[in-house]
Protein backbone atom coordinates (compact mmCIF):
# COMPACT_ATOMS: atom_id res chain seq x y z
CA UNK A 1 98.57 105.41 69.01
CA UNK A 2 99.11 105.43 72.65
CA UNK A 3 101.53 103.31 74.48
CA UNK A 4 99.41 100.13 76.43
CA UNK A 5 102.47 100.93 79.46
CA UNK A 6 101.54 104.68 79.45
CA UNK A 7 97.34 104.13 79.31
CA UNK A 8 97.60 101.55 82.21
CA UNK A 9 99.77 103.64 84.21
CA UNK A 10 97.03 106.53 83.95
CA UNK A 11 94.23 104.41 84.57
CA UNK A 12 96.23 103.77 87.94
CA UNK A 13 96.62 106.89 88.53
CA UNK A 14 92.81 107.45 87.81
CA UNK A 15 91.45 104.90 90.05
CA UNK A 16 94.08 107.02 92.87
CA UNK A 17 92.99 110.41 92.32
CA UNK A 18 88.80 109.31 92.81
CA UNK A 19 89.86 107.48 96.30
CA UNK A 20 91.82 110.42 97.14
CA UNK A 21 88.97 112.30 96.56
CA UNK A 22 86.42 110.71 98.62
CA UNK A 23 85.04 108.20 96.46
CA UNK A 24 84.71 105.38 97.07
CA UNK A 25 85.98 101.89 94.67
CA UNK A 26 82.26 100.90 93.32
CA UNK A 27 81.91 105.67 92.54
CA UNK A 28 85.07 105.29 90.40
CA UNK A 29 83.93 101.85 88.61
CA UNK A 30 80.63 104.17 87.38
CA UNK A 31 82.06 107.69 86.92
CA UNK A 32 85.18 106.30 84.53
CA UNK A 33 84.62 102.99 82.98
CA UNK A 34 80.95 101.69 84.44
CA UNK A 35 82.69 98.09 82.89
CA UNK A 36 84.86 96.96 85.65
CA UNK A 37 83.50 95.61 89.10
CA UNK A 38 84.60 96.21 92.84
CA UNK A 39 86.93 93.78 93.00
CA UNK A 40 88.53 94.44 89.68
CA UNK A 41 89.20 98.78 90.78
CA UNK A 42 90.59 97.38 94.07
CA UNK A 43 92.95 94.96 92.41
CA UNK A 44 93.99 98.47 90.11
CA UNK A 45 94.82 100.14 94.18
CA UNK A 46 96.54 97.39 94.96
CA UNK A 47 98.58 97.48 91.66
CA UNK A 48 98.99 100.79 91.80
CA UNK A 49 100.97 100.38 95.85
CA UNK A 50 103.29 97.72 94.09
CA UNK A 51 104.26 100.19 91.42
CA UNK A 52 104.54 102.95 94.11
CA UNK A 53 106.33 100.82 96.79
CA UNK A 54 109.05 99.75 93.83
CA UNK A 55 109.39 102.57 92.85
CA UNK A 56 109.94 104.48 96.05
CA UNK A 57 112.56 101.11 96.98
CA UNK A 58 114.29 101.71 93.94
CA UNK A 59 115.28 105.42 93.79
CA UNK A 60 115.63 105.88 98.23
CA UNK A 61 112.78 107.56 99.29
CA UNK A 62 112.12 106.43 102.45
CA UNK A 63 111.58 102.73 103.15
CA UNK A 64 113.38 102.27 100.47
CA UNK A 65 116.00 99.79 99.83
CA UNK A 66 117.79 102.64 97.63
CA UNK A 67 117.37 99.54 94.48
CA UNK A 68 119.09 97.42 96.58
CA UNK A 69 118.46 93.50 97.31
């Protein structure tokens, strides 16, 4: 059985890969899932951005805060 957190992260990465290859959010929806709205895809991309921003800040990548608040 797959870890639910891993599935969520994998889904977010698929969305980003679709955007990186030049697909529009609605195209990603139709190709990968077929049942999500354009708005839901955009929310997934926003969630991925928030996650990356947090991790970049926590681990000290450029623009991060090295885990300090």
